């Protein structure tokens, strides 16, 4: 007799501020998770666009692009974070939760400390495919939004 198939997982879309029930569930799951899979998404950048290749020079030695706006961030801004958490000890009470986090609509300050604590927790297994780049971009996104000390610099991705 074949074992019963696992029930389908609910996917929670996390948007909005601290009073969002989905955000509260995400934060509880991050704190209790034994295994977490992560994937970050961002808008790709194009290299060598004509405007970027030849900015208009002004009489004072600066360029029009430099006067018009601040320098673009060194790394792309992460806009979407996908998180899957396994919570429990492997017994009957074990459950999995899946989240799609819209980082453009969630207050990053609400998410920074729980993510940092997860990344630094040695008892939680963190999984991601080529996550080193995701981690650099995610760290840059939080640092740009919250200040230079708000990255994830104590995390080592292998």
N, C-alpha and C. Protein backbone atom coordinates (compact mmCIF):
# COMPACT_ATOMS: atom_id res chain seq x y z
N UNK A 1 0.85 -1.17 0.00
CA UNK A 1 0.00 0.00 0.00
C UNK A 1 0.90 1.24 0.00
N UNK A 2 0.65 2.14 -0.94
CA UNK A 2 1.43 3.37 -1.03
C UNK A 2 0.99 4.34 0.06
N UNK A 3 1.97 5.11 0.59
CA UNK A 3 1.59 6.12 1.60
C UNK A 3 0.73 7.20 0.95
N UNK A 4 -0.10 7.81 1.76
CA UNK A 4 -0.97 8.88 1.27
C UNK A 4 -0.12 10.06 0.84
N UNK A 5 -0.49 10.72 -0.25
CA UNK A 5 0.29 11.89 -0.68
C UNK A 5 0.16 13.02 0.33
N UNK A 6 1.21 13.81 0.41
CA UNK A 6 1.20 14.96 1.32
C UNK A 6 0.14 15.95 0.87
N UNK A 7 -0.51 16.61 1.81
CA UNK A 7 -1.51 17.61 1.43
C UNK A 7 -0.81 18.78 0.73
N UNK A 8 -1.51 19.46 -0.17
CA UNK A 8 -0.89 20.61 -0.83
C UNK A 8 -0.58 21.71 0.18
N UNK A 9 0.49 22.44 -0.08
CA UNK A 9 0.88 23.51 0.82
C UNK A 9 0.16 24.79 0.45
N UNK A 10 -0.25 25.51 1.46
CA UNK A 10 -0.83 26.83 1.23
C UNK A 10 0.33 27.80 1.03
N UNK A 11 0.17 28.71 0.09
CA UNK A 11 1.18 29.74 -0.15
C UNK A 11 0.60 31.05 0.33
N UNK A 12 1.33 31.72 1.22
CA UNK A 12 0.87 32.96 1.82
C UNK A 12 1.57 34.14 1.15
N UNK A 13 0.80 35.07 0.62
CA UNK A 13 1.34 36.29 0.05
C UNK A 13 1.47 37.32 1.17
N UNK A 14 2.69 37.77 1.42
CA UNK A 14 2.95 38.69 2.52
C UNK A 14 3.12 40.09 1.95
N UNK A 15 2.16 40.94 2.26
CA UNK A 15 2.19 42.34 1.87
C UNK A 15 1.73 43.15 3.07
N UNK A 16 2.02 44.40 3.08
CA UNK A 16 1.50 45.26 4.15
C UNK A 16 2.40 45.31 5.36
N UNK A 17 1.91 46.02 6.34
CA UNK A 17 2.70 46.32 7.53
C UNK A 17 2.58 45.29 8.62
N UNK A 18 2.99 45.71 9.82
CA UNK A 18 3.09 44.84 10.98
C UNK A 18 1.80 44.21 11.43
N UNK A 19 0.64 44.75 11.04
CA UNK A 19 -0.62 44.17 11.48
C UNK A 19 -1.13 43.09 10.53
N UNK A 20 -0.40 42.81 9.47
CA UNK A 20 -0.79 41.79 8.51
C UNK A 20 -0.73 40.40 9.14
N UNK A 21 -1.81 39.60 9.06
CA UNK A 21 -1.77 38.25 9.63
C UNK A 21 -0.74 37.36 8.92
N UNK A 22 -0.53 37.58 7.62
CA UNK A 22 0.45 36.80 6.88
C UNK A 22 1.86 37.10 7.36
N UNK A 23 2.15 38.39 7.63
CA UNK A 23 3.47 38.77 8.14
C UNK A 23 3.68 38.16 9.53
N UNK A 24 2.65 38.19 10.37
CA UNK A 24 2.77 37.61 11.71
C UNK A 24 3.05 36.11 11.61
N UNK A 25 2.39 35.41 10.70
CA UNK A 25 2.62 33.98 10.50
C UNK A 25 4.04 33.74 10.00
N UNK A 26 4.52 34.56 9.07
CA UNK A 26 5.89 34.44 8.58
C UNK A 26 6.89 34.60 9.71
N UNK A 27 6.71 35.62 10.54
CA UNK A 27 7.65 35.87 11.64
C UNK A 27 7.66 34.72 12.65
N UNK A 28 6.49 34.17 12.95
CA UNK A 28 6.42 33.01 13.85
C UNK A 28 7.11 31.80 13.23
N UNK A 29 6.90 31.60 11.93
CA UNK A 29 7.51 30.46 11.24
C UNK A 29 9.02 30.59 11.18
N UNK A 30 9.53 31.80 10.91
CA UNK A 30 10.98 32.02 10.87
C UNK A 30 11.61 31.72 12.22
N UNK A 31 10.94 32.13 13.29
CA UNK A 31 11.48 31.94 14.64
C UNK A 31 11.50 30.48 15.05
N UNK A 32 10.56 29.68 14.56
CA UNK A 32 10.44 28.29 14.99
C UNK A 32 11.00 27.29 13.98
N UNK A 33 11.40 27.75 12.81
CA UNK A 33 11.78 26.85 11.72
C UNK A 33 13.07 26.09 12.03
N UNK A 34 13.04 24.82 11.65
CA UNK A 34 14.25 23.98 11.72
C UNK A 34 14.93 23.93 10.36
N UNK A 35 14.15 24.07 9.30
CA UNK A 35 14.67 24.08 7.93
C UNK A 35 13.98 25.22 7.20
N UNK A 36 14.77 26.04 6.48
CA UNK A 36 14.21 27.15 5.73
C UNK A 36 14.86 27.17 4.34
N UNK A 37 14.03 27.23 3.31
CA UNK A 37 14.52 27.39 1.95
C UNK A 37 14.20 28.82 1.52
N UNK A 38 15.17 29.47 0.89
CA UNK A 38 15.02 30.88 0.51
C UNK A 38 15.41 31.09 -0.94
N UNK A 39 14.75 32.05 -1.57
CA UNK A 39 15.09 32.46 -2.92
C UNK A 39 14.70 33.92 -3.08
N UNK A 40 15.63 34.73 -3.56
CA UNK A 40 15.39 36.16 -3.73
C UNK A 40 15.29 36.49 -5.21
N UNK A 41 14.44 37.45 -5.54
CA UNK A 41 14.24 37.87 -6.93
C UNK A 41 14.39 39.38 -7.01
N UNK A 42 14.88 39.84 -8.15
CA UNK A 42 15.08 41.27 -8.39
C UNK A 42 14.92 41.53 -9.87
N UNK A 43 14.71 42.79 -10.21
CA UNK A 43 14.58 43.18 -11.61
C UNK A 43 15.97 43.17 -12.23
N UNK A 44 16.14 42.47 -13.33
CA UNK A 44 17.47 42.45 -13.95
C UNK A 44 17.88 43.82 -14.47
N UNK A 45 19.16 44.07 -14.46
CA UNK A 45 19.70 45.32 -14.98
C UNK A 45 20.31 45.06 -16.35
N UNK A 46 20.14 46.03 -17.21
CA UNK A 46 20.77 45.93 -18.52
C UNK A 46 22.07 46.70 -18.50
N UNK A 47 23.07 46.14 -19.11
CA UNK A 47 24.36 46.82 -19.18
C UNK A 47 24.46 47.57 -20.50
N UNK A 48 25.22 48.67 -20.46
CA UNK A 48 25.55 49.37 -21.69
C UNK A 48 24.40 50.10 -22.36
N UNK A 49 23.43 50.58 -21.58
CA UNK A 49 22.37 51.34 -22.22
C UNK A 49 22.96 52.63 -22.77
N UNK A 50 22.46 53.15 -23.90
CA UNK A 50 23.04 54.34 -24.51
C UNK A 50 23.11 55.53 -23.57
N UNK A 51 22.09 55.73 -22.73
CA UNK A 51 22.09 56.88 -21.82
C UNK A 51 23.19 56.74 -20.78
N UNK A 52 23.41 55.51 -20.30
CA UNK A 52 24.44 55.30 -19.29
C UNK A 52 25.84 55.37 -19.90
N UNK A 53 25.96 55.04 -21.18
CA UNK A 53 27.27 55.00 -21.81
C UNK A 53 27.81 56.40 -22.09
N UNK A 54 26.94 57.36 -22.37
CA UNK A 54 27.41 58.69 -22.74
C UNK A 54 26.59 59.77 -22.04
N UNK A 55 26.81 59.98 -20.72
CA UNK A 55 26.05 61.02 -20.02
C UNK A 55 26.47 62.40 -20.50
N UNK A 56 25.53 63.31 -20.51
CA UNK A 56 25.80 64.67 -20.97
C UNK A 56 26.68 65.39 -19.96
N UNK A 57 27.76 66.02 -20.44
CA UNK A 57 28.68 66.74 -19.56
C UNK A 57 28.18 68.17 -19.36
N UNK A 58 28.30 68.66 -18.12
CA UNK A 58 27.93 70.03 -17.80
C UNK A 58 29.20 70.87 -17.70
N UNK A 59 29.05 72.17 -17.70
CA UNK A 59 30.19 73.08 -17.67
C UNK A 59 31.06 72.96 -16.44
N UNK A 60 30.51 72.48 -15.31
CA UNK A 60 31.31 72.41 -14.09
C UNK A 60 32.05 71.08 -13.94
N UNK A 61 32.06 70.27 -14.97
CA UNK A 61 32.80 69.01 -14.94
C UNK A 61 31.97 67.82 -14.49
N UNK A 62 30.75 68.04 -14.01
CA UNK A 62 29.89 66.92 -13.61
C UNK A 62 29.02 66.54 -14.79
N UNK A 63 28.32 65.47 -14.65
CA UNK A 63 27.41 65.04 -15.72
C UNK A 63 25.98 65.35 -15.33
N UNK A 64 25.14 65.42 -16.33
CA UNK A 64 23.71 65.66 -16.11
C UNK A 64 23.13 64.54 -15.25
N UNK A 65 23.55 63.31 -15.50
CA UNK A 65 23.04 62.17 -14.72
C UNK A 65 23.42 62.32 -13.25
N UNK A 66 24.63 62.79 -12.97
CA UNK A 66 25.07 62.94 -11.58
C UNK A 66 24.30 64.04 -10.88
N UNK A 67 23.93 65.11 -11.59
CA UNK A 67 23.16 66.20 -10.98
C UNK A 67 21.70 65.82 -10.80
N UNK A 68 21.17 65.02 -11.72
CA UNK A 68 19.74 64.71 -11.73
C UNK A 68 19.34 63.74 -10.63
N UNK A 69 20.20 62.77 -10.31
CA UNK A 69 19.81 61.77 -9.33
C UNK A 69 21.05 61.22 -8.65
N UNK A 70 20.86 60.63 -7.46
CA UNK A 70 22.01 60.02 -6.78
C UNK A 70 22.49 58.81 -7.57
N UNK A 71 23.69 58.39 -7.27
CA UNK A 71 24.25 57.21 -7.94
C UNK A 71 23.37 56.00 -7.66
N UNK A 72 23.18 55.15 -8.66
CA UNK A 72 22.36 53.96 -8.43
C UNK A 72 23.05 53.04 -7.44
N UNK A 73 22.27 52.21 -6.73
CA UNK A 73 22.88 51.29 -5.79
C UNK A 73 23.84 50.34 -6.52
N UNK A 74 24.82 49.86 -5.78
CA UNK A 74 25.82 48.98 -6.37
C UNK A 74 25.19 47.66 -6.82
N UNK A 75 24.19 47.20 -6.09
CA UNK A 75 23.54 45.93 -6.40
C UNK A 75 22.06 46.16 -6.66
N UNK A 76 21.42 45.25 -7.40
CA UNK A 76 19.97 45.38 -7.61
C UNK A 76 19.20 45.29 -6.29
N UNK A 77 18.03 45.88 -6.26
CA UNK A 77 17.15 45.82 -5.11
C UNK A 77 16.32 44.55 -5.18
N UNK A 78 16.36 43.77 -4.11
CA UNK A 78 15.53 42.56 -4.05
C UNK A 78 14.09 43.01 -3.85
N UNK A 79 13.20 42.52 -4.69
CA UNK A 79 11.80 42.92 -4.62
C UNK A 79 10.88 41.81 -4.13
N UNK A 80 11.35 40.58 -4.23
CA UNK A 80 10.51 39.44 -3.85
C UNK A 80 11.37 38.41 -3.14
N UNK A 81 10.89 37.93 -2.01
CA UNK A 81 11.60 36.89 -1.26
C UNK A 81 10.65 35.71 -1.09
N UNK A 82 11.09 34.54 -1.55
CA UNK A 82 10.30 33.33 -1.40
C UNK A 82 10.91 32.53 -0.24
N UNK A 83 10.06 32.11 0.68
CA UNK A 83 10.52 31.44 1.89
C UNK A 83 9.63 30.22 2.14
N UNK A 84 10.27 29.09 2.39
CA UNK A 84 9.54 27.89 2.82
C UNK A 84 10.13 27.45 4.15
N UNK A 85 9.28 27.26 5.14
CA UNK A 85 9.73 26.91 6.49
C UNK A 85 9.16 25.56 6.89
N UNK A 86 10.01 24.72 7.46
CA UNK A 86 9.54 23.48 8.08
C UNK A 86 9.68 23.67 9.58
N UNK A 87 8.57 23.56 10.26
CA UNK A 87 8.50 23.79 11.70
C UNK A 87 8.10 22.49 12.37
N UNK A 88 8.78 22.15 13.45
CA UNK A 88 8.44 20.95 14.21
C UNK A 88 9.62 20.02 14.32
N UNK A 89 9.40 18.88 14.99
CA UNK A 89 10.48 17.95 15.28
C UNK A 89 10.46 16.71 14.40
N UNK A 90 9.68 16.73 13.35
CA UNK A 90 9.60 15.57 12.47
C UNK A 90 8.47 14.63 12.80
N UNK A 91 7.77 14.89 13.87
CA UNK A 91 6.66 14.03 14.27
C UNK A 91 5.33 14.51 13.70
N UNK A 92 4.28 14.15 14.38
CA UNK A 92 2.93 14.50 13.95
C UNK A 92 2.69 16.00 13.87
N UNK A 93 3.35 16.76 14.74
CA UNK A 93 3.13 18.20 14.79
C UNK A 93 3.91 19.00 13.76
N UNK A 94 4.71 18.32 12.93
CA UNK A 94 5.51 19.04 11.94
C UNK A 94 4.61 19.63 10.85
N UNK A 95 4.94 20.85 10.45
CA UNK A 95 4.17 21.49 9.39
C UNK A 95 5.11 22.31 8.53
N UNK A 96 4.68 22.62 7.33
CA UNK A 96 5.45 23.46 6.43
C UNK A 96 4.60 24.64 6.00
N UNK A 97 5.25 25.78 5.87
CA UNK A 97 4.58 27.00 5.44
C UNK A 97 5.39 27.60 4.29
N UNK A 98 4.72 28.12 3.29
CA UNK A 98 5.37 28.75 2.15
C UNK A 98 4.90 30.19 2.06
N UNK A 99 5.85 31.10 1.82
CA UNK A 99 5.55 32.52 1.78
C UNK A 99 6.18 33.16 0.55
N UNK A 100 5.45 34.08 -0.05
CA UNK A 100 5.98 34.96 -1.08
C UNK A 100 5.88 36.36 -0.48
N UNK A 101 7.05 36.98 -0.24
CA UNK A 101 7.11 38.25 0.47
C UNK A 101 7.40 39.37 -0.53
N UNK A 102 6.47 40.30 -0.65
CA UNK A 102 6.65 41.47 -1.51
C UNK A 102 7.44 42.51 -0.72
N UNK A 103 8.74 42.59 -0.98
CA UNK A 103 9.59 43.49 -0.21
C UNK A 103 9.37 44.96 -0.55
N UNK A 104 8.61 45.25 -1.59
CA UNK A 104 8.28 46.63 -1.92
C UNK A 104 7.09 47.13 -1.10
N UNK A 105 6.32 46.22 -0.51
CA UNK A 105 5.16 46.64 0.25
C UNK A 105 5.26 46.33 1.75
N UNK A 106 6.23 45.53 2.14
CA UNK A 106 6.43 45.19 3.55
C UNK A 106 7.44 46.17 4.14
N UNK A 107 7.22 46.58 5.36
CA UNK A 107 8.21 47.41 6.04
C UNK A 107 9.44 46.55 6.33
N UNK A 108 10.56 46.89 5.71
CA UNK A 108 11.76 46.08 5.89
C UNK A 108 12.23 46.06 7.34
N UNK A 109 11.92 47.12 8.07
CA UNK A 109 12.29 47.16 9.49
C UNK A 109 11.59 46.05 10.28
N UNK A 110 10.38 45.65 9.86
CA UNK A 110 9.66 44.57 10.54
C UNK A 110 10.29 43.21 10.28
N UNK A 111 10.98 43.09 9.17
CA UNK A 111 11.51 41.80 8.73
C UNK A 111 12.99 41.62 9.02
N UNK A 112 13.71 42.72 9.21
CA UNK A 112 15.17 42.64 9.32
C UNK A 112 15.64 41.79 10.50
N UNK A 113 15.20 42.08 11.72
CA UNK A 113 15.68 41.34 12.89
C UNK A 113 15.31 39.86 12.83
N UNK A 114 14.08 39.48 12.48
CA UNK A 114 13.78 38.05 12.38
C UNK A 114 14.62 37.33 11.33
N UNK A 115 14.89 37.98 10.20
CA UNK A 115 15.74 37.35 9.19
C UNK A 115 17.17 37.22 9.70
N UNK A 116 17.69 38.27 10.31
CA UNK A 116 19.06 38.24 10.84
C UNK A 116 19.19 37.12 11.88
N UNK A 117 18.22 37.02 12.77
CA UNK A 117 18.26 35.97 13.79
C UNK A 117 18.23 34.58 13.15
N UNK A 118 17.41 34.41 12.13
CA UNK A 118 17.36 33.13 11.42
C UNK A 118 18.72 32.81 10.80
N UNK A 119 19.30 33.78 10.09
CA UNK A 119 20.58 33.55 9.42
C UNK A 119 21.69 33.21 10.41
N UNK A 120 21.62 33.74 11.62
CA UNK A 120 22.67 33.51 12.61
C UNK A 120 22.41 32.30 13.50
N UNK A 121 21.23 31.71 13.42
CA UNK A 121 20.89 30.56 14.26
C UNK A 121 21.55 29.29 13.74
N UNK A 122 22.42 28.67 14.51
CA UNK A 122 23.10 27.47 14.02
C UNK A 122 22.20 26.23 13.95
N UNK A 123 21.09 26.21 14.70
CA UNK A 123 20.24 25.03 14.71
C UNK A 123 19.24 25.01 13.56
N UNK A 124 19.19 26.06 12.75
CA UNK A 124 18.27 26.10 11.60
C UNK A 124 19.07 25.88 10.32
N UNK A 125 18.64 24.91 9.54
CA UNK A 125 19.28 24.63 8.26
C UNK A 125 18.69 25.58 7.22
N UNK A 126 19.57 26.38 6.60
CA UNK A 126 19.14 27.32 5.57
C UNK A 126 19.54 26.77 4.21
N UNK A 127 18.57 26.69 3.29
CA UNK A 127 18.82 26.13 1.96
C UNK A 127 18.53 27.16 0.89
N UNK A 128 19.34 27.17 -0.14
CA UNK A 128 19.11 28.04 -1.29
C UNK A 128 20.04 27.65 -2.40
N UNK A 129 19.59 27.74 -3.62
CA UNK A 129 20.42 27.42 -4.77
C UNK A 129 21.19 28.67 -5.17
N UNK A 130 22.51 28.58 -5.14
CA UNK A 130 23.37 29.73 -5.42
C UNK A 130 22.94 30.94 -4.60
N UNK A 131 22.74 30.72 -3.31
CA UNK A 131 22.17 31.75 -2.45
C UNK A 131 23.17 32.84 -2.09
N UNK A 132 24.44 32.64 -2.34
CA UNK A 132 25.44 33.66 -2.00
C UNK A 132 25.10 34.99 -2.69
N UNK A 133 24.77 34.95 -3.97
CA UNK A 133 24.40 36.18 -4.69
C UNK A 133 23.11 36.76 -4.12
N UNK A 134 22.14 35.92 -3.86
CA UNK A 134 20.88 36.38 -3.27
C UNK A 134 21.15 37.09 -1.94
N UNK A 135 22.04 36.51 -1.14
CA UNK A 135 22.33 37.07 0.18
C UNK A 135 23.01 38.43 0.06
N UNK A 136 23.93 38.58 -0.88
CA UNK A 136 24.59 39.87 -1.10
C UNK A 136 23.56 40.92 -1.51
N UNK A 137 22.69 40.59 -2.44
CA UNK A 137 21.67 41.54 -2.92
C UNK A 137 20.65 41.84 -1.82
N UNK A 138 20.27 40.83 -1.05
CA UNK A 138 19.32 41.02 0.04
C UNK A 138 19.94 41.92 1.11
N UNK A 139 21.19 41.68 1.44
CA UNK A 139 21.89 42.51 2.41
C UNK A 139 21.97 43.96 1.94
N UNK A 140 22.30 44.15 0.67
CA UNK A 140 22.38 45.49 0.10
C UNK A 140 21.02 46.19 0.13
N UNK A 141 19.96 45.45 -0.14
CA UNK A 141 18.61 46.01 -0.12
C UNK A 141 18.25 46.52 1.27
N UNK A 142 18.50 45.71 2.29
CA UNK A 142 18.20 46.11 3.67
C UNK A 142 19.10 47.26 4.10
N UNK A 143 20.37 47.23 3.74
CA UNK A 143 21.29 48.31 4.10
C UNK A 143 20.87 49.63 3.48
N UNK A 144 20.47 49.60 2.20
CA UNK A 144 20.05 50.82 1.52
C UNK A 144 18.78 51.40 2.15
N UNK A 145 17.88 50.53 2.59
CA UNK A 145 16.61 50.99 3.14
C UNK A 145 16.71 51.40 4.61
N UNK A 146 17.53 50.70 5.39
CA UNK A 146 17.53 50.89 6.84
C UNK A 146 18.82 51.49 7.40
N UNK A 147 19.84 51.58 6.61
CA UNK A 147 21.11 52.11 7.10
C UNK A 147 22.23 51.10 6.93
N UNK A 148 23.45 51.60 6.96
CA UNK A 148 24.61 50.77 6.60
C UNK A 148 24.82 49.57 7.51
N UNK A 149 24.34 49.59 8.73
CA UNK A 149 24.54 48.46 9.64
C UNK A 149 23.40 47.45 9.58
N UNK A 150 22.57 47.53 8.57
CA UNK A 150 21.38 46.68 8.52
C UNK A 150 21.49 45.55 7.50
N UNK A 151 22.70 45.24 7.09
CA UNK A 151 22.89 44.11 6.18
C UNK A 151 22.99 42.82 6.97
N UNK A 152 23.33 41.78 6.26
CA UNK A 152 23.48 40.46 6.88
C UNK A 152 24.94 40.05 6.74
N UNK A 153 25.83 40.80 7.39
CA UNK A 153 27.27 40.59 7.21
C UNK A 153 27.82 39.43 8.04
N UNK A 154 27.10 38.94 8.99
CA UNK A 154 27.60 37.84 9.82
C UNK A 154 27.14 36.49 9.29
N UNK A 155 26.60 36.47 8.09
CA UNK A 155 26.11 35.24 7.47
C UNK A 155 27.15 34.79 6.46
N UNK A 156 27.40 33.51 6.43
CA UNK A 156 28.34 32.98 5.45
C UNK A 156 27.59 31.98 4.60
N UNK A 157 27.53 32.25 3.31
CA UNK A 157 26.87 31.34 2.38
C UNK A 157 27.92 30.45 1.75
N UNK A 158 27.64 29.16 1.71
CA UNK A 158 28.59 28.21 1.12
C UNK A 158 28.08 27.71 -0.20
